[in-house]
Amino acid sequence: MVVAARCHCLSHTCTKKFPVRSFESILSDNDRFVKGGSVKSKANQFHNCESTPVYQATGPVCHLSLGLGKQALELVESEAISLDNTIKEANGEASSELVEAFKKREELILECANLEELLEDDNKAINSTEEKLQRFLAETAPYHQKEGRRYNVQN
């Protein structure tokens, strides 16, 4: 089957005839692409059928996908409108639950910053103590070796 289609170029309008794509024609184009060496730069000679179709769909798959996408978009839009109306009804003021949630969020952010500061102080104290211990072990190593004690000093 051949369908007449209109070319919508900016410079001109022409009528070309294009074959209707089918599962079989895509498989055929892919077979020819593979037999031709699967050269990506020549894929346009095989209607860009670089791989086999994932599944054979019956019916207008694109239209179904677009329809489902449209339904999802309409659902989001209706929820946004509902939220907008709720805010308008509250005279532009946020609900008490939302205010509490934001307050709690701010408190948690502040608490995290304080804990981070405490951890930094603890890390500094640990590093300082490790350095002092290393210096002590390095300074007393000759005494321990003289006494026959086995201490490994790692620098």
Protein backbone atom coordinates (compact mmCIF):
# COMPACT_ATOMS: atom_id res chain seq x y z
CA MET A 1 0.00 0.00 0.00
CA VAL A 2 1.31 3.47 -0.86
CA VAL A 3 0.05 6.63 0.76
CA ALA A 4 0.40 10.14 -0.60
CA ALA A 5 1.83 12.50 1.96
CA ARG A 6 2.56 16.20 1.94
CA CYS A 7 6.05 17.51 2.56
CA HIS A 8 5.96 20.53 4.85
CA CYS A 9 9.28 22.13 3.99
CA LEU A 10 9.69 25.82 4.62
CA SER A 11 10.83 26.48 1.07
CA HIS A 12 8.21 24.57 -0.89
CA THR A 13 5.31 22.18 -0.70
CA CYS A 14 5.45 18.94 -2.62
CA THR A 15 3.58 15.65 -2.71
CA LYS A 16 5.56 12.45 -2.29
CA LYS A 17 4.41 8.88 -2.01
CA PHE A 18 5.58 6.88 0.98
CA PRO A 19 4.95 3.17 1.68
CA VAL A 20 2.96 2.41 4.83
CA ARG A 21 5.27 1.07 7.57
CA SER A 22 4.41 -2.33 8.97
CA PHE A 23 6.02 -4.82 11.30
CA GLU A 24 7.07 -6.89 8.30
CA SER A 25 8.56 -3.92 6.43
CA ILE A 26 10.57 -2.90 9.49
CA LEU A 27 11.84 -6.48 9.89
CA SER A 28 12.73 -6.55 6.20
CA ASP A 29 14.55 -3.21 6.40
CA ASN A 30 16.46 -4.40 9.46
CA ASP A 31 17.43 -7.67 7.73
CA ARG A 32 18.75 -5.70 4.74
CA PHE A 33 20.64 -3.35 7.13
CA VAL A 34 22.29 -6.31 8.92
CA LYS A 35 23.12 -8.08 5.62
CA GLY A 36 24.58 -4.81 4.37
CA GLY A 37 27.13 -4.84 7.19
CA SER A 38 25.24 -2.83 9.83
CA VAL A 39 27.06 0.36 8.87
CA LYS A 40 25.47 3.08 10.99
CA SER A 41 26.24 5.81 8.44
CA LYS A 42 24.17 3.92 5.85
CA ALA A 43 21.17 3.28 8.12
CA ASN A 44 19.11 5.90 6.29
CA GLN A 45 19.17 3.63 3.21
CA PHE A 46 17.21 1.10 5.27
CA HIS A 47 14.67 3.54 6.80
CA ASN A 48 16.90 3.76 9.93
CA CYS A 49 15.93 0.24 11.01
CA GLU A 50 19.13 -0.46 12.93
CA SER A 51 17.46 -2.96 15.26
CA THR A 52 14.53 -5.30 15.14
CA PRO A 53 11.17 -4.09 16.46
CA VAL A 54 10.70 -4.75 20.15
CA TYR A 55 7.20 -6.11 19.68
CA GLN A 56 4.54 -6.38 17.04
CA ALA A 57 1.80 -3.98 17.92
CA THR A 58 -1.56 -3.92 16.34
CA GLY A 59 -3.40 -0.68 16.02
CA PRO A 60 -2.20 2.88 16.28
CA VAL A 61 0.44 2.51 19.02
CA CYS A 62 1.58 6.12 18.75
CA HIS A 63 -1.98 7.39 19.15
CA LEU A 64 -2.52 5.15 22.19
CA SER A 65 0.73 6.39 23.78
CA LEU A 66 -0.18 9.98 23.13
CA GLY A 67 -3.65 9.39 24.50
CA LEU A 68 -2.30 7.93 27.74
CA GLY A 69 0.19 10.79 28.01
CA LYS A 70 -2.62 13.29 27.47
CA GLN A 71 -4.70 11.64 30.22
CA ALA A 72 -1.76 11.81 32.63
CA LEU A 73 -1.18 15.47 31.78
CA GLU A 74 -4.86 16.27 32.28
CA LEU A 75 -4.77 14.52 35.68
CA VAL A 76 -1.76 16.60 36.77
CA GLU A 77 -3.43 19.74 35.45
CA SER A 78 -6.66 19.04 37.35
CA GLU A 79 -4.71 18.42 40.57
CA ALA A 80 -2.82 21.69 40.06
CA ILE A 81 -6.07 23.56 39.51
CA SER A 82 -7.54 21.96 42.63
CA LEU A 83 -4.49 22.96 44.67
CA ASP A 84 -4.62 26.47 43.23
CA ASN A 85 -8.30 26.77 44.21
CA THR A 86 -7.53 25.51 47.73
CA ILE A 87 -4.87 28.20 48.12
CA LYS A 88 -7.25 30.85 46.77
CA GLU A 89 -9.92 29.76 49.25
CA ALA A 90 -7.41 30.18 52.06
CA ASN A 91 -6.85 33.79 50.88
CA GLY A 92 -3.37 33.00 49.69
CA GLU A 93 -2.32 31.56 53.02
CA ALA A 94 -0.80 28.11 53.24
CA SER A 95 -2.62 25.44 55.20
CA SER A 96 -1.58 24.89 58.81
CA GLU A 97 -0.19 21.44 57.93
CA LEU A 98 2.03 22.97 55.26
CA VAL A 99 3.24 25.70 57.64
CA GLU A 100 4.08 23.04 60.26
CA ALA A 101 5.89 20.92 57.67
CA PHE A 102 8.04 23.89 56.63
CA LYS A 103 8.81 24.75 60.26
CA LYS A 104 9.82 21.15 60.93
CA ARG A 105 11.99 21.18 57.80
CA GLU A 106 13.78 24.33 58.96
CA GLU A 107 14.31 22.83 62.42
CA LEU A 108 15.78 19.68 60.91
CA ILE A 109 18.09 21.69 58.64
CA LEU A 110 19.34 23.66 61.66
CA GLU A 111 19.77 20.47 63.71
CA CYS A 112 21.76 18.85 60.87
CA ALA A 113 24.01 21.91 60.63
CA ASN A 114 24.65 21.77 64.40
CA LEU A 115 25.42 18.04 64.26
CA GLU A 116 27.75 18.63 61.33
CA GLU A 117 29.59 21.27 63.36
CA LEU A 118 29.89 18.88 66.32
CA LEU A 119 31.22 16.15 64.05
CA GLU A 120 33.83 18.54 62.65
CA ASP A 121 34.95 19.40 66.19
CA ASP A 122 35.10 15.69 67.10
CA ASN A 123 37.11 14.91 63.96
CA LYS A 124 39.58 17.69 64.81
CA ALA A 125 39.94 16.33 68.36
CA ILE A 126 40.47 12.79 67.06
CA ASN A 127 43.08 13.94 64.54
CA SER A 128 44.88 15.97 67.22
CA THR A 129 44.91 13.00 69.60
CA GLU A 130 46.22 10.68 66.88
CA GLU A 131 49.00 13.14 66.07
CA LYS A 132 49.96 13.41 69.77
CA LEU A 133 49.96 9.62 70.12
CA GLN A 134 52.14 9.22 67.02
CA ARG A 135 54.60 11.83 68.35
CA PHE A 136 54.69 10.13 71.76
CA LEU A 137 55.34 6.72 70.21
CA ALA A 138 58.02 8.16 67.95
CA GLU A 139 59.72 9.94 70.89
CA THR A 140 59.62 6.89 73.17
CA ALA A 141 60.48 4.28 70.52
CA PRO A 142 64.20 4.15 71.41
CA TYR A 143 63.33 3.45 75.08
CA HIS A 144 60.93 0.66 74.13
CA GLN A 145 63.47 -0.86 71.77
CA LYS A 146 66.14 -0.72 74.50
CA GLU A 147 63.80 -2.47 76.91
CA GLY A 148 63.02 -5.12 74.26
CA ARG A 149 59.42 -4.15 73.85
CA ARG A 150 57.92 -4.45 70.46
CA TYR A 151 56.14 -1.33 69.39
CA ASN A 152 55.55 -0.56 65.77
CA VAL A 153 55.47 3.12 65.06
CA GLN A 154 53.66 3.98 61.88
CA ASN A 155 54.17 7.39 60.34
